[in-house]
Amino acid sequence: MLQQTRVSAVIPYFEKFLTRFPDPATLARAPEEDVLTMWSGLGYYSRARNLRKAASEVAALGEFPRDYESIRALPGIGDYTAAAVASIAFGLPHAVIDGNVKRVVARLSNNDAVATREVAEQLLDRRNPSRSNQALMELGAVVCLPREPLCLSCPIAEHCEAHRRGSQNQVPAKRAKPATVSLEHTLLVIRDRGRILLAPGSRVHGFWDLPEPFKGASLIRRVGEFRHSILNRRYMFIVWEARTRITPVGFTWLREKSLHEIPLSTAAKKGLSCFKK
């Protein structure tokens, strides 16, 4: 959950998730839809799907793997997560490479093209890899900041080539961000006897969404609009109340009081909130 998400945002999700899925076997048995519902709002939903797959493998093994290669082989586990788990949980000497570590290493050498893993392995305290990895990540998170690093507070400033040369604000070089794409979509709120019509999510697989205009839908009134962002896409959604006499293939009617029981897209939630205003 902490990958690409702030700690403050994760805590309530983490607590609810563990209450619902207290062990790998429970998570492995749960339908994917239930897992996505509990994950809804965190984004990057492939993480939730892979977590469920990994839980199935751990449940089949009967225990969590205790060596780096076996941890790395679990679905959704990359080099960073495998090294973090191996070193912090089991004391194995594997250097963690995340964005913070890359920045610290680049500045230490004043070189964007430095072999980060090689340097990180050299810096690793093999007697206490857990503390060593966490210290280097924390250094990058709270001292060696992306902008205006706190060099005067840095315990290793005397060993930093970028600090010595005064280039800490230029190293590492900032990467160009992908161009922003602006899109406009219309969402329909169609109700019938306490039910609401939902469509399979087109922006996030596995989620339900408010439908967009379709043949057979009649617009009644415009009820609002809102903005929403997914990566470099900036959406403007226009929300309309509508009616229909048909149910398109793949769509479903769900009682409104049951919406919290399914994986509902953030755009749908915002659309419904807009309708209630």
Protein backbone atom coordinates (compact mmCIF):
# COMPACT_ATOMS: atom_id res chain seq x y z
CA MET A 1 0.00 0.00 0.00
CA LEU A 2 2.90 2.36 0.65
CA GLN A 3 4.15 2.18 -2.92
CA GLN A 4 3.18 5.47 -4.61
CA THR A 5 0.96 6.42 -1.65
CA ARG A 6 1.58 8.61 1.43
CA VAL A 7 1.74 6.97 4.86
CA SER A 8 -1.01 9.25 6.21
CA ALA A 9 -3.35 8.14 3.44
CA VAL A 10 -2.52 4.45 3.88
CA ILE A 11 -3.12 4.00 7.62
CA PRO A 12 -6.95 3.83 7.61
CA TYR A 13 -6.93 1.57 4.55
CA PHE A 14 -4.32 -0.69 6.14
CA GLU A 15 -6.29 -1.08 9.36
CA LYS A 16 -9.57 -1.86 7.58
CA PHE A 17 -7.84 -4.22 5.15
CA LEU A 18 -6.23 -6.28 7.92
CA THR A 19 -9.52 -6.43 9.81
CA ARG A 20 -11.23 -7.83 6.71
CA PHE A 21 -8.29 -10.03 5.59
CA PRO A 22 -6.29 -10.94 8.73
CA ASP A 23 -4.13 -13.63 7.08
CA PRO A 24 -3.02 -14.84 3.62
CA ALA A 25 -5.57 -17.67 3.53
CA THR A 26 -8.49 -15.28 4.10
CA LEU A 27 -7.21 -12.92 1.42
CA ALA A 28 -6.61 -15.79 -1.01
CA ARG A 29 -10.20 -17.03 -0.61
CA ALA A 30 -11.76 -13.59 -1.09
CA PRO A 31 -13.30 -12.69 -4.48
CA GLU A 32 -11.26 -10.14 -6.40
CA GLU A 33 -14.24 -7.76 -6.30
CA ASP A 34 -14.14 -7.73 -2.48
CA VAL A 35 -10.42 -6.99 -2.45
CA LEU A 36 -10.83 -4.13 -4.93
CA THR A 37 -13.67 -2.71 -2.84
CA MET A 38 -11.42 -2.56 0.22
CA TRP A 39 -8.63 -1.03 -1.89
CA SER A 40 -10.90 1.54 -3.58
CA GLY A 41 -9.35 5.01 -3.35
CA LEU A 42 -5.70 3.93 -3.14
CA GLY A 43 -5.23 3.70 -6.91
CA TYR A 44 -2.76 1.51 -8.82
CA TYR A 45 -5.19 -1.39 -8.51
CA SER A 46 -2.83 -3.95 -10.02
CA ARG A 47 -1.18 -3.88 -6.57
CA ALA A 48 -4.35 -5.25 -4.99
CA ARG A 49 -4.75 -7.96 -7.62
CA ASN A 50 -1.12 -9.03 -7.24
CA LEU A 51 -1.40 -8.99 -3.45
CA ARG A 52 -4.31 -11.42 -3.66
CA LYS A 53 -2.34 -13.67 -6.04
CA ALA A 54 0.69 -13.56 -3.74
CA ALA A 55 -1.54 -14.46 -0.78
CA SER A 56 -2.70 -17.54 -2.68
CA GLU A 57 0.90 -18.67 -3.19
CA VAL A 58 1.84 -17.99 0.45
CA ALA A 59 -1.26 -19.87 1.66
CA ALA A 60 -0.32 -22.82 -0.55
CA LEU A 61 3.24 -22.81 0.83
CA GLY A 62 1.98 -22.68 4.39
CA GLU A 63 4.34 -19.85 5.35
CA PHE A 64 5.88 -16.68 3.96
CA PRO A 65 9.13 -17.38 2.05
CA ARG A 66 12.26 -16.44 3.94
CA ASP A 67 14.86 -16.01 1.17
CA TYR A 68 15.24 -13.16 -1.34
CA GLU A 69 14.71 -15.21 -4.51
CA SER A 70 11.47 -16.78 -3.26
CA ILE A 71 10.14 -13.43 -2.06
CA ARG A 72 11.05 -11.86 -5.41
CA ALA A 73 9.13 -14.60 -7.23
CA LEU A 74 5.80 -13.69 -5.61
CA PRO A 75 3.32 -11.85 -7.89
CA GLY A 76 3.75 -8.09 -7.75
CA ILE A 77 7.05 -8.21 -5.86
CA GLY A 78 9.93 -6.38 -7.52
CA ASP A 79 13.56 -5.87 -6.54
CA TYR A 80 12.75 -3.01 -4.16
CA THR A 81 10.02 -4.77 -2.19
CA ALA A 82 11.92 -8.07 -2.09
CA ALA A 83 15.04 -6.37 -0.72
CA ALA A 84 13.01 -4.38 1.83
CA VAL A 85 11.18 -7.45 3.14
CA ALA A 86 14.28 -9.67 3.07
CA SER A 87 16.41 -7.17 4.99
CA ILE A 88 13.83 -5.78 7.44
CA ALA A 89 11.93 -8.99 8.20
CA PHE A 90 14.73 -11.54 7.95
CA GLY A 91 17.98 -9.59 8.29
CA LEU A 92 19.25 -10.61 4.84
CA PRO A 93 21.97 -8.42 3.26
CA HIS A 94 20.14 -6.96 0.24
CA ALA A 95 20.32 -3.23 -0.51
CA VAL A 96 17.02 -1.45 -1.03
CA ILE A 97 16.86 0.81 -4.08
CA ASP A 98 14.02 3.32 -4.09
CA GLY A 99 13.77 6.89 -5.31
CA ASN A 100 15.21 8.28 -2.09
CA VAL A 101 18.23 5.97 -2.21
CA LYS A 102 18.85 6.78 -5.89
CA ARG A 103 18.88 10.49 -5.05
CA VAL A 104 21.29 10.09 -2.12
CA VAL A 105 23.67 7.94 -4.16
CA ALA A 106 23.58 10.31 -7.15
CA ARG A 107 24.48 13.26 -4.92
CA LEU A 108 27.17 11.39 -3.02
CA SER A 109 28.93 10.77 -6.32
CA ASN A 110 27.64 13.92 -8.07
CA ASN A 111 26.77 11.64 -10.95
CA ASP A 112 23.35 10.96 -12.48
CA ALA A 113 24.67 7.89 -14.26
CA VAL A 114 26.22 6.24 -11.21
CA ALA A 115 25.66 2.50 -10.75
CA THR A 116 23.18 2.92 -7.89
CA ARG A 117 22.92 -0.71 -6.88
CA GLU A 118 26.68 -1.20 -6.80
CA VAL A 119 27.15 1.84 -4.55
CA ALA A 120 24.18 0.93 -2.34
CA GLU A 121 25.59 -2.56 -1.82
CA GLN A 122 28.92 -1.00 -0.79
CA LEU A 123 27.15 1.30 1.69
CA LEU A 124 25.06 -1.51 3.20
CA ASP A 125 25.93 -2.53 6.75
CA ARG A 126 25.75 -6.31 6.40
CA ARG A 127 25.71 -6.78 10.16
CA ASN A 128 22.42 -4.87 10.36
CA PRO A 129 20.94 -4.52 6.85
CA SER A 130 17.50 -3.63 8.21
CA ARG A 131 18.72 -0.55 10.07
CA SER A 132 21.12 0.35 7.26
CA ASN A 133 18.47 0.26 4.54
CA GLN A 134 15.91 2.16 6.60
CA ALA A 135 18.49 4.80 7.52
CA LEU A 136 19.43 5.46 3.89
CA MET A 137 15.79 5.64 2.78
CA GLU A 138 14.95 7.94 5.69
CA LEU A 139 17.92 10.16 4.89
CA GLY A 140 16.55 10.69 1.41
CA ALA A 141 12.98 11.18 2.67
CA VAL A 142 13.63 13.83 5.34
CA VAL A 143 17.09 15.35 4.71
CA CYS A 144 18.31 14.77 1.15
CA LEU A 145 15.10 16.24 -0.28
CA PRO A 146 14.41 16.52 -4.01
CA ARG A 147 14.33 20.31 -3.71
CA GLU A 148 16.47 22.34 -1.30
CA PRO A 149 18.12 19.42 0.52
CA LEU A 150 18.98 20.09 4.18
CA CYS A 151 22.72 19.68 3.75
CA LEU A 152 23.56 21.41 7.04
CA SER A 153 21.63 18.68 8.86
CA CYS A 154 23.04 15.81 6.84
CA PRO A 155 25.24 13.37 8.81
CA ILE A 156 27.18 12.39 5.70
CA ALA A 157 27.52 15.82 4.06
CA GLU A 158 31.32 15.69 4.35
CA HIS A 159 31.31 12.63 2.08
CA CYS A 160 28.92 14.17 -0.51
CA GLU A 161 30.53 15.28 -3.75
CA ALA A 162 27.45 17.25 -4.86
CA HIS A 163 27.47 19.20 -1.59
CA ARG A 164 31.18 19.90 -1.97
CA ARG A 165 30.62 21.24 -5.49
CA GLY A 166 27.39 23.05 -4.65
CA SER A 167 25.44 21.08 -7.25
CA GLN A 168 22.99 19.36 -4.90
CA ASN A 169 20.04 21.19 -6.47
CA GLN A 170 21.01 20.07 -9.98
CA VAL A 171 21.72 16.41 -9.18
CA PRO A 172 19.90 14.29 -10.02
CA ALA A 173 18.59 16.07 -13.11
CA LYS A 174 14.84 16.53 -13.18
CA ARG A 175 13.05 14.20 -15.56
CA ALA A 176 10.62 15.59 -18.08
CA LYS A 177 7.03 14.85 -17.13
CA PRO A 178 4.68 13.39 -19.74
CA ALA A 179 2.45 15.94 -21.42
CA THR A 180 -0.89 16.52 -19.73
CA VAL A 181 -3.89 15.22 -21.66
CA SER A 182 -7.19 17.06 -21.09
CA LEU A 183 -10.39 15.06 -21.62
CA GLU A 184 -14.09 15.78 -21.20
CA HIS A 185 -16.68 13.08 -20.46
CA THR A 186 -20.36 12.97 -19.57
CA LEU A 187 -21.67 10.71 -16.80
CA LEU A 188 -25.29 9.71 -16.38
CA VAL A 189 -27.11 9.15 -13.09
CA ILE A 190 -30.04 6.86 -13.95
CA ARG A 191 -32.28 5.78 -11.07
CA ASP A 192 -35.26 3.45 -10.89
CA ARG A 193 -37.10 2.43 -7.72
CA GLY A 194 -34.12 2.74 -5.41
CA ARG A 195 -31.70 1.24 -7.90
CA ILE A 196 -28.98 2.88 -9.97
CA LEU A 197 -27.63 1.82 -13.36
CA LEU A 198 -23.90 1.05 -13.46
CA ALA A 199 -21.50 0.28 -16.31
CA PRO A 200 -18.25 -1.71 -16.29
CA GLY A 201 -15.37 0.70 -15.61
CA SER A 202 -13.58 1.87 -18.75
CA ARG A 203 -10.81 3.76 -16.93
CA VAL A 204 -10.06 1.26 -14.15
CA HIS A 205 -10.56 -2.45 -14.90
CA GLY A 206 -12.63 -4.36 -12.38
CA PHE A 207 -14.56 -1.34 -11.09
CA TRP A 208 -18.10 -0.15 -11.74
CA ASP A 209 -18.77 3.31 -13.07
CA LEU A 210 -21.64 5.63 -13.94
CA PRO A 211 -22.55 5.09 -17.59
CA GLU A 212 -21.70 7.56 -20.32
CA PRO A 213 -24.36 8.51 -22.90
CA PHE A 214 -25.68 5.51 -24.85
CA LYS A 215 -28.43 4.84 -27.36
CA GLY A 216 -31.71 4.69 -25.49
CA ALA A 217 -30.70 7.10 -22.69
CA SER A 218 -32.62 10.39 -22.44
CA LEU A 219 -31.06 13.37 -20.67
CA ILE A 220 -33.27 15.13 -18.10
CA ARG A 221 -31.15 17.82 -16.48
CA ARG A 222 -27.55 18.75 -15.91
CA VAL A 223 -26.72 18.44 -12.21
CA GLY A 224 -23.07 19.46 -12.01
CA GLU A 225 -19.48 18.90 -13.00
CA PHE A 226 -16.15 18.01 -11.42
CA ARG A 227 -12.49 17.54 -12.26
CA HIS A 228 -10.58 14.31 -11.77
CA SER A 229 -6.99 13.24 -12.53
CA ILE A 230 -5.47 9.84 -13.36
CA LEU A 231 -1.70 10.04 -13.93
CA ASN A 232 -1.21 12.66 -16.69
CA ARG A 233 -4.88 12.65 -17.74
CA ARG A 234 -7.00 15.55 -16.55
CA TYR A 235 -10.72 14.86 -16.84
CA MET A 236 -13.66 17.22 -16.78
CA PHE A 237 -16.82 15.25 -16.04
CA ILE A 238 -20.28 16.65 -16.73
CA VAL A 239 -22.99 14.92 -14.71
CA TRP A 240 -26.55 14.55 -16.00
CA GLU A 241 -29.68 13.00 -14.56
CA ALA A 242 -31.11 10.68 -17.21
CA ARG A 243 -33.62 7.89 -17.83
CA THR A 244 -33.72 4.76 -19.97
CA ARG A 245 -36.06 1.91 -20.84
CA ILE A 246 -33.27 -0.47 -21.80
CA THR A 247 -30.34 -2.05 -20.00
CA PRO A 248 -27.26 -2.25 -22.27
CA VAL A 249 -25.33 -5.51 -22.34
CA GLY A 250 -22.84 -5.67 -19.47
CA PHE A 251 -24.59 -2.96 -17.44
CA THR A 252 -26.24 -3.76 -14.10
CA TRP A 253 -28.82 -2.30 -11.75
CA LEU A 254 -27.77 -2.10 -8.09
CA ARG A 255 -29.67 -0.90 -5.05
CA GLU A 256 -28.18 2.43 -3.99
CA LYS A 257 -27.83 1.31 -0.39
CA SER A 258 -25.50 -1.46 -1.59
CA LEU A 259 -23.04 0.76 -3.46
CA HIS A 260 -20.51 0.50 -0.60
CA GLU A 261 -20.34 -3.27 -1.14
CA ILE A 262 -18.83 -3.11 -4.64
CA PRO A 263 -15.67 -1.61 -6.17
CA LEU A 264 -17.08 1.73 -7.32
CA SER A 265 -14.81 4.09 -9.26
CA THR A 266 -13.73 7.36 -7.69
CA ALA A 267 -15.28 9.20 -10.65
CA ALA A 268 -18.62 7.51 -9.94
CA LYS A 269 -18.44 8.48 -6.27
CA LYS A 270 -17.68 12.08 -7.19
CA GLY A 271 -20.50 12.04 -9.74
CA LEU A 272 -23.02 10.84 -7.19
CA SER A 273 -21.83 13.41 -4.66
CA CYS A 274 -22.26 16.09 -7.30
CA PHE A 275 -25.82 14.88 -7.88
CA LYS A 276 -26.66 15.17 -4.18
CA LYS A 277 -25.59 18.80 -3.90
